[in-house]
Amino acid sequence: MDAHIQTLPKIELHRHLEGSWRLQTLCDIAREYCLPIPAYDLESMRPYVQIMPDTPRTWAEFLGKFRFIRQFFRSKTIIQRVTREIVADAAADNIRYMELRFTPQALNNIMGCEYGEVVAWVCQASQKAAAELGIQVRLIVSMNRHESVAIGEAVIEAALAYRNEGVVGIDLAGQEDGFPCIPFESVFERAKREGLGVTVHAGEWMGSDSIRQSVETIKADRIGHGIRVIEDMALVEQLASRGTVFEVCPTSNVDSGVVARLEDHPLRRMLQGGLNITVNTDDPLISNITLSEQLAQVIQYQGLSFDIIKQLQINAANAAFLPVDQRAALLAQLDTV
């Protein structure tokens, strides 16, 4: 079954650039810049950036990995190297289409350059690597809800400037607890007017009201994670009828402490509720996982059939932030298995 999943043409809609580094690349950069960490070998680096067996499963611990990784974004060369490697890793996993999201503020934390420069670097590297490797890559530009709306306004300006260079959507991420999406309403209204897809992280660390707010206020096309929707069956019914897409990331939800075990994950109940589900990795480095491995795990721990796994790829193709004709071409690629 694992080999069969590996050969399956796949689609990933929810993967963060910041959480998708190669471990070896982090070690290389740490040595080059003499970063203040105890050692530069793979196994010494691993506990700083991956969830280990003895790592507490909490949101603070999970987000702490990203705070550590932020110090590695130090140049255009580094950002473009990481981007190329992420695209190569996806292609090696037989992912035919990937929407890679990234937060310009996170990548720019040390350099302090214009957001547009950062977006341009990711666009250039991702599209060049995609063309060379035979994979389609589009980009989603993120802002954090726990940071200022002014940052969000600058981020959307950069996203719009590069929408013809691979940018197809905008995302609201970051600390959900205590930071509602409402202040960002005008930013996302503009994204909608300009034709960008809208996805919002919601219903992960906060309850179903966060999802409802994202759909009603921000007009989200897709919900990142969204697993706490099952706390409100009326909302499940409403969003199932509407066809709202959920970008579910099961292993990440365990690693962040939202769910105790993969066996307890509400993925199967969400499917039974008729919700439009896709399955994704979120952060392959942090969770030490590929999309093929994630799909194999939901078969093992959620009891999903291979036919359902194939349907999830069709769901993802239909939910891609692409024009209708390009989605149809993507669906045709999935017909090969």
C-alpha atoms as a PDB file:
ATOM      1  CA  MET A   1       0.000   0.000   0.000  1.00  0.00           C
ATOM      2  CA  ASP A   2       2.818   2.432   0.814  1.00  0.00           C
ATOM      3  CA  ALA A   3       4.355   1.868  -2.623  1.00  0.00           C
ATOM      4  CA  HIS A   4       0.962   2.319  -4.270  1.00  0.00           C
ATOM      5  CA  ILE A   5       0.441   5.642  -2.487  1.00  0.00           C
ATOM      6  CA  GLN A   6       3.929   6.750  -3.504  1.00  0.00           C
ATOM      7  CA  THR A   7       3.066   6.225  -7.187  1.00  0.00           C
ATOM      8  CA  LEU A   8      -0.324   7.940  -6.834  1.00  0.00           C
ATOM      9  CA  PRO A   9      -0.395  11.410  -8.450  1.00  0.00           C
ATOM     10  CA  LYS A  10      -0.956  13.758  -5.521  1.00  0.00           C
ATOM     11  CA  ILE A  11      -1.899  17.338  -4.744  1.00  0.00           C
ATOM     12  CA  GLU A  12      -0.868  19.396  -1.720  1.00  0.00           C
ATOM     13  CA  LEU A  13      -2.772  22.566  -0.890  1.00  0.00           C
ATOM     14  CA  HIS A  14      -1.426  23.321   2.595  1.00  0.00           C
ATOM     15  CA  ARG A  15       2.335  23.336   3.006  1.00  0.00           C
ATOM     16  CA  HIS A  16       4.369  26.099   4.655  1.00  0.00           C
ATOM     17  CA  LEU A  17       7.741  27.044   3.214  1.00  0.00           C
ATOM     18  CA  GLU A  18       8.995  27.893   6.713  1.00  0.00           C
ATOM     19  CA  GLY A  19       8.241  24.359   7.926  1.00  0.00           C
ATOM     20  CA  SER A  20       9.582  22.466   4.906  1.00  0.00           C
ATOM     21  CA  TRP A  21      13.360  22.899   5.062  1.00  0.00           C
ATOM     22  CA  ARG A  22      15.698  19.962   4.601  1.00  0.00           C
ATOM     23  CA  LEU A  23      17.439  19.218   7.872  1.00  0.00           C
ATOM     24  CA  GLN A  24      20.819  19.108   6.115  1.00  0.00           C
ATOM     25  CA  THR A  25      20.265  22.574   4.682  1.00  0.00           C
ATOM     26  CA  LEU A  26      19.663  23.981   8.159  1.00  0.00           C
ATOM     27  CA  CYS A  27      22.951  22.436   9.271  1.00  0.00           C
ATOM     28  CA  ASP A  28      24.762  23.908   6.260  1.00  0.00           C
ATOM     29  CA  ILE A  29      23.418  27.405   6.937  1.00  0.00           C
ATOM     30  CA  ALA A  30      24.176  27.148  10.660  1.00  0.00           C
ATOM     31  CA  ARG A  31      27.816  26.352   9.881  1.00  0.00           C
ATOM     32  CA  GLU A  32      28.127  29.039   7.217  1.00  0.00           C
ATOM     33  CA  TYR A  33      26.763  31.771   9.481  1.00  0.00           C
ATOM     34  CA  CYS A  34      28.142  30.388  12.768  1.00  0.00           C
ATOM     35  CA  LEU A  35      24.715  30.532  14.324  1.00  0.00           C
ATOM     36  CA  PRO A  36      24.617  30.343  18.140  1.00  0.00           C
ATOM     37  CA  ILE A  37      23.444  26.745  18.561  1.00  0.00           C
ATOM     38  CA  PRO A  38      25.282  23.956  20.454  1.00  0.00           C
ATOM     39  CA  ALA A  39      26.218  21.797  17.437  1.00  0.00           C
ATOM     40  CA  TYR A  40      25.789  21.725  13.676  1.00  0.00           C
ATOM     41  CA  ASP A  41      25.250  18.035  12.957  1.00  0.00           C
ATOM     42  CA  LEU A  42      21.904  16.540  11.881  1.00  0.00           C
ATOM     43  CA  GLU A  43      20.977  14.818  15.123  1.00  0.00           C
ATOM     44  CA  SER A  44      21.881  17.822  17.258  1.00  0.00           C
ATOM     45  CA  MET A  45      19.773  20.071  15.026  1.00  0.00           C
ATOM     46  CA  ARG A  46      16.761  17.767  14.904  1.00  0.00           C
ATOM     47  CA  PRO A  47      15.197  18.484  18.349  1.00  0.00           C
ATOM     48  CA  TYR A  48      15.181  22.222  17.639  1.00  0.00           C
ATOM     49  CA  VAL A  49      13.097  21.896  14.479  1.00  0.00           C
ATOM     50  CA  GLN A  50      11.196  18.608  14.710  1.00  0.00           C
ATOM     51  CA  ILE A  51       8.642  17.148  17.058  1.00  0.00           C
ATOM     52  CA  MET A  52      10.486  14.339  18.847  1.00  0.00           C
ATOM     53  CA  PRO A  53       8.893  11.390  20.699  1.00  0.00           C
ATOM     54  CA  ASP A  54       9.397  13.143  24.041  1.00  0.00           C
ATOM     55  CA  THR A  55       8.433  16.642  22.836  1.00  0.00           C
ATOM     56  CA  PRO A  56       5.402  18.063  24.680  1.00  0.00           C
ATOM     57  CA  ARG A  57       2.481  18.347  22.273  1.00  0.00           C
ATOM     58  CA  THR A  58       1.493  21.980  22.838  1.00  0.00           C
ATOM     59  CA  TRP A  59       0.919  24.960  20.540  1.00  0.00           C
ATOM     60  CA  ALA A  60       3.734  26.843  22.291  1.00  0.00           C
ATOM     61  CA  GLU A  61       6.210  24.034  21.638  1.00  0.00           C
ATOM     62  CA  PHE A  62       5.017  23.671  18.047  1.00  0.00           C
ATOM     63  CA  LEU A  63       5.263  27.384  17.219  1.00  0.00           C
ATOM     64  CA  GLY A  64       8.614  27.499  18.998  1.00  0.00           C
ATOM     65  CA  LYS A  65      10.102  25.453  16.144  1.00  0.00           C
ATOM     66  CA  PHE A  66       9.232  28.275  13.764  1.00  0.00           C
ATOM     67  CA  ARG A  67      10.773  30.906  16.022  1.00  0.00           C
ATOM     68  CA  PHE A  68      14.012  28.921  15.916  1.00  0.00           C
ATOM     69  CA  ILE A  69      13.871  28.547  12.118  1.00  0.00           C
ATOM     70  CA  ARG A  70      13.334  32.277  11.537  1.00  0.00           C
ATOM     71  CA  GLN A  71      17.003  32.967  12.285  1.00  0.00           C
ATOM     72  CA  PHE A  72      18.017  30.972   9.194  1.00  0.00           C
ATOM     73  CA  PHE A  73      16.387  33.302   6.661  1.00  0.00           C
ATOM     74  CA  ARG A  74      19.367  35.577   6.038  1.00  0.00           C
ATOM     75  CA  SER A  75      19.670  36.151   2.289  1.00  0.00           C
ATOM     76  CA  LYS A  76      18.091  35.836  -1.136  1.00  0.00           C
ATOM     77  CA  THR A  77      20.388  32.888  -1.814  1.00  0.00           C
ATOM     78  CA  ILE A  78      19.119  30.987   1.230  1.00  0.00           C
ATOM     79  CA  ILE A  79      15.444  31.665   0.482  1.00  0.00           C
ATOM     80  CA  GLN A  80      15.828  30.550  -3.116  1.00  0.00           C
ATOM     81  CA  ARG A  81      17.784  27.443  -2.156  1.00  0.00           C
ATOM     82  CA  VAL A  82      15.126  26.396   0.331  1.00  0.00           C
ATOM     83  CA  THR A  83      12.357  27.056  -2.188  1.00  0.00           C
ATOM     84  CA  ARG A  84      14.061  24.960  -4.889  1.00  0.00           C
ATOM     85  CA  GLU A  85      14.604  22.089  -2.474  1.00  0.00           C
ATOM     86  CA  ILE A  86      10.976  22.121  -1.317  1.00  0.00           C
ATOM     87  CA  VAL A  87       9.790  21.900  -4.915  1.00  0.00           C
ATOM     88  CA  ALA A  88      12.253  19.068  -5.589  1.00  0.00           C
ATOM     89  CA  ASP A  89      11.092  17.151  -2.515  1.00  0.00           C
ATOM     90  CA  ALA A  90       7.470  17.496  -3.590  1.00  0.00           C
ATOM     91  CA  ALA A  91       8.247  16.298  -7.097  1.00  0.00           C
ATOM     92  CA  ALA A  92      10.118  13.288  -5.675  1.00  0.00           C
ATOM     93  CA  ASP A  93       6.940  12.381  -3.749  1.00  0.00           C
ATOM     94  CA  ASN A  94       4.970  12.415  -7.027  1.00  0.00           C
ATOM     95  CA  ILE A  95       3.086  15.569  -6.125  1.00  0.00           C
ATOM     96  CA  ARG A  96       1.803  16.960  -9.412  1.00  0.00           C
ATOM     97  CA  TYR A  97       0.500  20.251  -8.044  1.00  0.00           C
ATOM     98  CA  MET A  98       1.435  22.128  -4.871  1.00  0.00           C
ATOM     99  CA  GLU A  99       0.325  25.413  -3.379  1.00  0.00           C
ATOM    100  CA  LEU A 100       3.235  26.518  -1.228  1.00  0.00           C
ATOM    101  CA  ARG A 101       2.467  29.224   1.318  1.00  0.00           C
ATOM    102  CA  PHE A 102       4.905  31.525   3.026  1.00  0.00           C
ATOM    103  CA  THR A 103       4.865  34.520   5.350  1.00  0.00           C
ATOM    104  CA  PRO A 104       7.016  37.401   4.040  1.00  0.00           C
ATOM    105  CA  GLN A 105       7.388  38.856   7.543  1.00  0.00           C
ATOM    106  CA  ALA A 106       8.864  35.567   8.797  1.00  0.00           C
ATOM    107  CA  LEU A 107      11.311  35.313   5.903  1.00  0.00           C
ATOM    108  CA  ASN A 108      12.200  38.985   6.267  1.00  0.00           C
ATOM    109  CA  ASN A 109      12.636  39.058  10.035  1.00  0.00           C
ATOM    110  CA  ILE A 110      16.411  39.582   9.872  1.00  0.00           C
ATOM    111  CA  MET A 111      16.969  41.145   6.440  1.00  0.00           C
ATOM    112  CA  GLY A 112      14.410  43.941   6.759  1.00  0.00           C
ATOM    113  CA  CYS A 113      13.937  44.386   3.022  1.00  0.00           C
ATOM    114  CA  GLU A 114      10.740  45.080   1.091  1.00  0.00           C
ATOM    115  CA  TYR A 115       8.112  42.331   1.155  1.00  0.00           C
ATOM    116  CA  GLY A 116       7.943  42.527  -2.621  1.00  0.00           C
ATOM    117  CA  GLU A 117      11.575  41.474  -2.860  1.00  0.00           C
ATOM    118  CA  VAL A 118      10.933  38.383  -0.731  1.00  0.00           C
ATOM    119  CA  VAL A 119       7.857  37.430  -2.753  1.00  0.00           C
ATOM    120  CA  ALA A 120       9.816  37.887  -5.986  1.00  0.00           C
ATOM    121  CA  TRP A 121      12.586  35.567  -4.796  1.00  0.00           C
ATOM    122  CA  VAL A 122      10.157  32.793  -3.916  1.00  0.00           C
ATOM    123  CA  CYS A 123       8.285  33.252  -7.201  1.00  0.00           C
ATOM    124  CA  GLN A 124      11.465  33.085  -9.276  1.00  0.00           C
ATOM    125  CA  ALA A 125      12.891  30.030  -7.533  1.00  0.00           C
ATOM    126  CA  SER A 126       9.629  28.070  -7.352  1.00  0.00           C
ATOM    127  CA  GLN A 127       8.616  28.592 -10.963  1.00  0.00           C
ATOM    128  CA  LYS A 128      12.089  27.791 -12.299  1.00  0.00           C
ATOM    129  CA  ALA A 129      12.331  24.598 -10.233  1.00  0.00           C
ATOM    130  CA  ALA A 130       8.788  23.589 -11.144  1.00  0.00           C
ATOM    131  CA  ALA A 131       9.486  23.919 -14.863  1.00  0.00           C
ATOM    132  CA  GLU A 132      12.646  21.840 -14.544  1.00  0.00           C
ATOM    133  CA  LEU A 133      10.996  19.093 -12.464  1.00  0.00           C
ATOM    134  CA  GLY A 134       7.621  18.747 -14.166  1.00  0.00           C
ATOM    135  CA  ILE A 135       5.462  19.860 -11.246  1.00  0.00           C
ATOM    136  CA  GLN A 136       3.023  22.768 -11.039  1.00  0.00           C
ATOM    137  CA  VAL A 137       3.643  25.135  -8.127  1.00  0.00           C
ATOM    138  CA  ARG A 138       1.529  28.095  -7.138  1.00  0.00           C
ATOM    139  CA  LEU A 139       2.043  30.366  -4.146  1.00  0.00           C
ATOM    140  CA  ILE A 140      -0.096  31.589  -1.273  1.00  0.00           C
ATOM    141  CA  VAL A 141       1.173  34.623   0.614  1.00  0.00           C
ATOM    142  CA  SER A 142       0.417  34.622   4.347  1.00  0.00           C
ATOM    143  CA  MET A 143       0.029  37.152   7.111  1.00  0.00           C
ATOM    144  CA  ASN A 144      -0.237  36.472  10.835  1.00  0.00           C
ATOM    145  CA  ARG A 145      -3.345  37.413  12.790  1.00  0.00           C
ATOM    146  CA  HIS A 146      -1.219  38.137  15.872  1.00  0.00           C
ATOM    147  CA  GLU A 147       0.723  40.771  13.921  1.00  0.00           C
ATOM    148  CA  SER A 148      -0.542  44.154  12.749  1.00  0.00           C
ATOM    149  CA  VAL A 149      -3.091  44.826  10.050  1.00  0.00           C
ATOM    150  CA  ALA A 150      -0.534  47.247   8.575  1.00  0.00           C
ATOM    151  CA  ILE A 151       1.723  44.254   7.901  1.00  0.00           C
ATOM    152  CA  GLY A 152      -1.224  42.524   6.274  1.00  0.00           C
ATOM    153  CA  GLU A 153      -1.848  45.512   4.013  1.00  0.00           C
ATOM    154  CA  ALA A 154       1.790  45.553   2.921  1.00  0.00           C
ATOM    155  CA  VAL A 155       1.714  41.790   2.345  1.00  0.00           C
ATOM    156  CA  ILE A 156      -1.298  41.953   0.043  1.00  0.00           C
ATOM    157  CA  GLU A 157       0.365  44.721  -1.981  1.00  0.00           C
ATOM    158  CA  ALA A 158       3.327  42.399  -2.545  1.00  0.00           C
ATOM    159  CA  ALA A 159       1.060  39.459  -3.360  1.00  0.00           C
ATOM    160  CA  LEU A 160      -0.894  41.428  -5.942  1.00  0.00           C
ATOM    161  CA  ALA A 161       2.300  42.657  -7.577  1.00  0.00           C
ATOM    162  CA  TYR A 162       3.292  39.054  -8.326  1.00  0.00           C
ATOM    163  CA  ARG A 163      -0.031  37.419  -9.127  1.00  0.00           C
ATOM    164  CA  ASN A 164       1.189  36.848 -12.691  1.00  0.00           C
ATOM    165  CA  GLU A 165       4.366  35.202 -11.385  1.00  0.00           C
ATOM    166  CA  GLY A 166       2.756  32.339  -9.460  1.00  0.00           C
ATOM    167  CA  VAL A 167       0.854  33.966  -6.572  1.00  0.00           C
ATOM    168  CA  VAL A 168      -2.752  32.725  -6.513  1.00  0.00           C
ATOM    169  CA  GLY A 169      -3.967  33.242  -2.964  1.00  0.00           C
ATOM    170  CA  ILE A 170      -3.731  34.928   0.412  1.00  0.00           C
ATOM    171  CA  ASP A 171      -3.762  33.315   3.848  1.00  0.00           C
ATOM    172  CA  LEU A 172      -4.354  34.354   7.457  1.00  0.00           C
ATOM    173  CA  ALA A 173      -2.284  32.255   9.854  1.00  0.00           C
ATOM    174  CA  GLY A 174      -0.629  32.677  13.246  1.00  0.00           C
ATOM    175  CA  GLN A 175      -1.854  32.521  16.833  1.00  0.00           C
ATOM    176  CA  GLU A 176      -5.592  31.883  16.734  1.00  0.00           C
ATOM    177  CA  ASP A 177      -6.336  32.230  20.451  1.00  0.00           C
ATOM    178  CA  GLY A 178      -7.042  35.877  21.298  1.00  0.00           C
ATOM    179  CA  PHE A 179      -6.599  37.161  17.750  1.00  0.00           C
ATOM    180  CA  PRO A 180      -9.851  37.079  15.748  1.00  0.00           C
ATOM    181  CA  CYS A 181      -9.836  37.551  11.995  1.00  0.00           C
ATOM    182  CA  ILE A 182     -12.225  40.538  12.039  1.00  0.00           C
ATOM    183  CA  PRO A 183      -9.534  43.295  11.984  1.00  0.00           C
ATOM    184  CA  PHE A 184      -8.301  41.886   8.648  1.00  0.00           C
ATOM    185  CA  GLU A 185     -11.698  42.082   6.939  1.00  0.00           C
ATOM    186  CA  SER A 186     -10.791  44.961   4.610  1.00  0.00           C
ATOM    187  CA  VAL A 187      -7.526  43.292   3.589  1.00  0.00           C
ATOM    188  CA  PHE A 188      -9.328  40.133   2.522  1.00  0.00           C
ATOM    189  CA  GLU A 189     -12.152  42.057   0.863  1.00  0.00           C
ATOM    190  CA  ARG A 190      -9.514  43.541  -1.394  1.00  0.00           C
ATOM    191  CA  ALA A 191      -8.014  40.111  -2.088  1.00  0.00           C
ATOM    192  CA  LYS A 192     -11.443  38.893  -3.173  1.00  0.00           C
ATOM    193  CA  ARG A 193     -12.011  41.909  -5.407  1.00  0.00           C
ATOM    194  CA  GLU A 194      -8.664  41.363  -7.070  1.00  0.00           C
ATOM    195  CA  GLY A 195      -9.381  37.693  -7.753  1.00  0.00           C
ATOM    196  CA  LEU A 196      -7.056  36.040  -5.249  1.00  0.00           C
ATOM    197  CA  GLY A 197      -8.133  32.839  -3.515  1.00  0.00           C
ATOM    198  CA  VAL A 198      -8.672  33.161   0.235  1.00  0.00           C
ATOM    199  CA  THR A 199      -7.734  30.560   2.816  1.00  0.00           C
ATOM    200  CA  VAL A 200      -7.780  31.090   6.589  1.00  0.00           C
ATOM    201  CA  HIS A 201      -6.293  29.049   9.424  1.00  0.00           C
ATOM    202  CA  ALA A 202      -9.233  28.509  11.770  1.00  0.00           C
ATOM    203  CA  GLY A 203     -10.786  25.930  14.039  1.00  0.00           C
ATOM    204  CA  GLU A 204      -7.489  24.440  15.111  1.00  0.00           C
ATOM    205  CA  TRP A 205      -6.650  25.959  18.496  1.00  0.00           C
ATOM    206  CA  MET A 206      -9.987  27.737  18.749  1.00  0.00           C
ATOM    207  CA  GLY A 207     -13.504  26.372  18.356  1.00  0.00           C
ATOM    208  CA  SER A 208     -16.084  26.354  15.599  1.00  0.00           C
ATOM    209  CA  ASP A 209     -16.918  30.055  16.061  1.00  0.00           C
ATOM    210  CA  SER A 210     -13.506  30.878  14.614  1.00  0.00           C
ATOM    211  CA  ILE A 211     -14.437  28.956  11.463  1.00  0.00           C
ATOM    212  CA  ARG A 212     -17.825  30.624  11.221  1.00  0.00           C
ATOM    213  CA  GLN A 213     -16.176  34.035  11.554  1.00  0.00           C
ATOM    214  CA  SER A 214     -13.655  33.181   8.814  1.00  0.00           C
ATOM    215  CA  VAL A 215     -16.369  32.133   6.393  1.00  0.00           C
ATOM    216  CA  GLU A 216     -18.829  34.933   7.178  1.00  0.00           C
ATOM    217  CA  THR A 217     -16.433  37.850   7.764  1.00  0.00           C
ATOM    218  CA  ILE A 218     -13.381  37.003   5.666  1.00  0.00           C
ATOM    219  CA  LYS A 219     -15.368  35.037   3.053  1.00  0.00           C
ATOM    220  CA  ALA A 220     -12.807  32.236   3.090  1.00  0.00           C
ATOM    221  CA  ASP A 221     -12.896  29.830   0.147  1.00  0.00           C
ATOM    222  CA  ARG A 222     -10.905  27.298   2.142  1.00  0.00           C
ATOM    223  CA  ILE A 223     -10.248  26.665   5.815  1.00  0.00           C
ATOM    224  CA  GLY A 224      -6.811  25.617   7.006  1.00  0.00           C
ATOM    225  CA  HIS A 225      -7.218  22.743   9.496  1.00  0.00           C
ATOM    226  CA  GLY A 226     -10.775  23.512  10.665  1.00  0.00           C
ATOM    227  CA  ILE A 227     -11.085  20.270  12.609  1.00  0.00           C
ATOM    228  CA  ARG A 228     -13.133  21.773  15.436  1.00  0.00           C
ATOM    229  CA  VAL A 229     -16.008  22.344  13.041  1.00  0.00           C
ATOM    230  CA  ILE A 230     -17.464  19.103  14.421  1.00  0.00           C
ATOM    231  CA  GLU A 231     -18.288  20.951  17.642  1.00  0.00           C
ATOM    232  CA  ASP A 232     -21.176  22.547  15.742  1.00  0.00           C
ATOM    233  CA  MET A 233     -23.135  20.115  13.576  1.00  0.00           C
ATOM    234  CA  ALA A 234     -25.313  22.925  12.222  1.00  0.00           C
ATOM    235  CA  LEU A 235     -22.146  24.563  10.909  1.00  0.00           C
ATOM    236  CA  VAL A 236     -20.994  21.222   9.475  1.00  0.00           C
ATOM    237  CA  GLU A 237     -24.250  20.958   7.561  1.00  0.00           C
ATOM    238  CA  GLN A 238     -24.022  24.556   6.369  1.00  0.00           C
ATOM    239  CA  LEU A 239     -20.418  24.276   5.144  1.00  0.00           C
ATOM    240  CA  ALA A 240     -20.993  20.862   3.592  1.00  0.00           C
ATOM    241  CA  SER A 241     -23.868  22.353   1.593  1.00  0.00           C
ATOM    242  CA  ARG A 242     -21.736  25.337   0.620  1.00  0.00           C
ATOM    243  CA  GLY A 243     -18.787  23.135  -0.405  1.00  0.00           C
ATOM    244  CA  THR A 244     -16.261  25.001   1.744  1.00  0.00           C
ATOM    245  CA  VAL A 245     -12.925  23.229   1.429  1.00  0.00           C
ATOM    246  CA  PHE A 246     -11.019  22.041   4.495  1.00  0.00           C
ATOM    247  CA  GLU A 247      -7.243  21.695   4.307  1.00  0.00           C
ATOM    248  CA  VAL A 248      -6.798  19.011   6.969  1.00  0.00           C
ATOM    249  CA  CYS A 249      -3.319  18.183   8.309  1.00  0.00           C
ATOM    250  CA  PRO A 250      -3.756  15.196  10.685  1.00  0.00           C
ATOM    251  CA  THR A 251      -0.206  14.566  11.917  1.00  0.00           C
ATOM    252  CA  SER A 252       0.385  18.278  12.425  1.00  0.00           C
ATOM    253  CA  ASN A 253      -2.762  18.409  14.577  1.00  0.00           C
ATOM    254  CA  VAL A 254      -1.303  15.694  16.800  1.00  0.00           C
ATOM    255  CA  ASP A 255       2.105  17.370  16.929  1.00  0.00           C
ATOM    256  CA  SER A 256       0.571  20.698  17.966  1.00  0.00           C
ATOM    257  CA  GLY A 257      -1.495  19.063  20.715  1.00  0.00           C
ATOM    258  CA  VAL A 258      -4.907  19.709  19.194  1.00  0.00           C
ATOM    259  CA  VAL A 259      -5.569  15.965  18.925  1.00  0.00           C
ATOM    260  CA  ALA A 260      -4.111  13.329  21.250  1.00  0.00           C
ATOM    261  CA  ARG A 261      -3.599  10.546  18.677  1.00  0.00           C
ATOM    262  CA  LEU A 262      -4.176   9.980  14.981  1.00  0.00           C
ATOM    263  CA  GLU A 263      -6.834   7.434  15.950  1.00  0.00           C
ATOM    264  CA  ASP A 264      -8.732  10.249  17.673  1.00  0.00           C
ATOM    265  CA  HIS A 265      -8.549  12.692  14.788  1.00  0.00           C
ATOM    266  CA  PRO A 266     -11.992  13.884  13.559  1.00  0.00           C
ATOM    267  CA  LEU A 267     -11.071  13.426   9.880  1.00  0.00           C
ATOM    268  CA  ARG A 268     -13.367  10.451   9.396  1.00  0.00           C
ATOM    269  CA  ARG A 269     -16.267  12.220  11.128  1.00  0.00           C
ATOM    270  CA  MET A 270     -15.712  15.258   8.926  1.00  0.00           C
ATOM    271  CA  LEU A 271     -15.941  13.064   5.840  1.00  0.00           C
ATOM    272  CA  GLN A 272     -19.072  11.387   7.179  1.00  0.00           C
ATOM    273  CA  GLY A 273     -20.563  14.863   7.683  1.00  0.00           C
ATOM    274  CA  GLY A 274     -20.205  15.506   3.967  1.00  0.00           C
ATOM    275  CA  LEU A 275     -17.479  18.136   4.261  1.00  0.00           C
ATOM    276  CA  ASN A 276     -15.186  18.824   1.325  1.00  0.00           C
ATOM    277  CA  ILE A 277     -11.889  17.473   2.649  1.00  0.00           C
ATOM    278  CA  THR A 278      -8.295  17.539   1.442  1.00  0.00           C
ATOM    279  CA  VAL A 279      -5.358  16.008   3.343  1.00  0.00           C
ATOM    280  CA  ASN A 280      -2.007  17.788   3.600  1.00  0.00           C
ATOM    281  CA  THR A 281       1.291  17.792   5.503  1.00  0.00           C
ATOM    282  CA  ASP A 282       1.380  21.387   6.814  1.00  0.00           C
ATOM    283  CA  ASP A 283       5.090  21.275   7.758  1.00  0.00           C
ATOM    284  CA  PRO A 284       7.067  18.264   6.482  1.00  0.00           C
ATOM    285  CA  LEU A 285      10.181  19.216   8.448  1.00  0.00           C
ATOM    286  CA  ILE A 286       8.440  19.821  11.771  1.00  0.00           C
ATOM    287  CA  SER A 287       6.427  16.595  11.577  1.00  0.00           C
ATOM    288  CA  ASN A 288       9.121  14.640   9.695  1.00  0.00           C
ATOM    289  CA  ILE A 289       6.602  13.434   7.117  1.00  0.00           C
ATOM    290  CA  THR A 290       5.891  13.337   3.382  1.00  0.00           C
ATOM    291  CA  LEU A 291       2.449  13.579   1.819  1.00  0.00           C
ATOM    292  CA  SER A 292       2.642   9.893   0.849  1.00  0.00           C
ATOM    293  CA  GLU A 293       3.388   8.999   4.460  1.00  0.00           C
ATOM    294  CA  GLN A 294       0.543  11.208   5.675  1.00  0.00           C
ATOM    295  CA  LEU A 295      -1.937   9.470   3.377  1.00  0.00           C
ATOM    296  CA  ALA A 296      -0.669   6.050   4.471  1.00  0.00           C
ATOM    297  CA  GLN A 297      -1.197   7.078   8.089  1.00  0.00           C
ATOM    298  CA  VAL A 298      -4.811   8.099   7.568  1.00  0.00           C
ATOM    299  CA  ILE A 299      -5.448   4.722   5.946  1.00  0.00           C
ATOM    300  CA  GLN A 300      -3.868   2.978   8.921  1.00  0.00           C
ATOM    301  CA  TYR A 301      -5.288   5.056  11.770  1.00  0.00           C
ATOM    302  CA  GLN A 302      -8.560   6.353  10.299  1.00  0.00           C
ATOM    303  CA  GLY A 303      -9.492   3.260   8.324  1.00  0.00           C
ATOM    304  CA  LEU A 304      -9.875   5.120   5.033  1.00  0.00           C
ATOM    305  CA  SER A 305      -9.822   3.110   1.809  1.00  0.00           C
ATOM    306  CA  PHE A 306      -7.482   3.715  -1.102  1.00  0.00           C
ATOM    307  CA  ASP A 307     -10.484   4.839  -3.142  1.00  0.00           C
ATOM    308  CA  ILE A 308     -11.164   7.575  -0.572  1.00  0.00           C
ATOM    309  CA  ILE A 309      -7.516   8.631  -0.756  1.00  0.00           C
ATOM    310  CA  LYS A 310      -7.905   8.990  -4.531  1.00  0.00           C
ATOM    311  CA  GLN A 311     -11.089  11.011  -4.014  1.00  0.00           C
ATOM    312  CA  LEU A 312      -9.199  13.353  -1.701  1.00  0.00           C
ATOM    313  CA  GLN A 313      -6.834  14.127  -4.589  1.00  0.00           C
ATOM    314  CA  ILE A 314      -9.829  14.927  -6.807  1.00  0.00           C
ATOM    315  CA  ASN A 315     -11.196  17.181  -4.059  1.00  0.00           C
ATOM    316  CA  ALA A 316      -7.867  18.987  -3.940  1.00  0.00           C
ATOM    317  CA  ALA A 317      -7.727  19.431  -7.723  1.00  0.00           C
ATOM    318  CA  ASN A 318     -11.201  20.943  -7.718  1.00  0.00           C
ATOM    319  CA  ALA A 319     -10.205  23.255  -4.845  1.00  0.00           C
ATOM    320  CA  ALA A 320      -6.961  24.520  -6.367  1.00  0.00           C
ATOM    321  CA  PHE A 321      -6.723  28.286  -6.788  1.00  0.00           C
ATOM    322  CA  LEU A 322      -6.572  27.903 -10.579  1.00  0.00           C
ATOM    323  CA  PRO A 323      -8.777  28.882 -13.512  1.00  0.00           C
ATOM    324  CA  VAL A 324     -11.392  26.285 -14.463  1.00  0.00           C
ATOM    325  CA  ASP A 325      -9.513  25.009 -17.521  1.00  0.00           C
ATOM    326  CA  GLN A 326      -6.318  24.487 -15.529  1.00  0.00           C
ATOM    327  CA  ARG A 327      -8.221  22.592 -12.834  1.00  0.00           C
ATOM    328  CA  ALA A 328      -9.650  20.346 -15.556  1.00  0.00           C
ATOM    329  CA  ALA A 329      -6.137  19.643 -16.868  1.00  0.00           C
ATOM    330  CA  LEU A 330      -5.025  18.831 -13.343  1.00  0.00           C
ATOM    331  CA  LEU A 331      -7.925  16.413 -12.895  1.00  0.00           C
ATOM    332  CA  ALA A 332      -6.903  14.656 -16.114  1.00  0.00           C
ATOM    333  CA  GLN A 333      -3.473  13.973 -14.599  1.00  0.00           C
ATOM    334  CA  LEU A 334      -5.114  12.201 -11.667  1.00  0.00           C
ATOM    335  CA  ASP A 335      -6.867   9.802 -14.015  1.00  0.00           C
ATOM    336  CA  THR A 336      -3.666   7.850 -14.564  1.00  0.00           C
ATOM    337  CA  VAL A 337      -4.012   5.524 -11.527  1.00  0.00           C
END
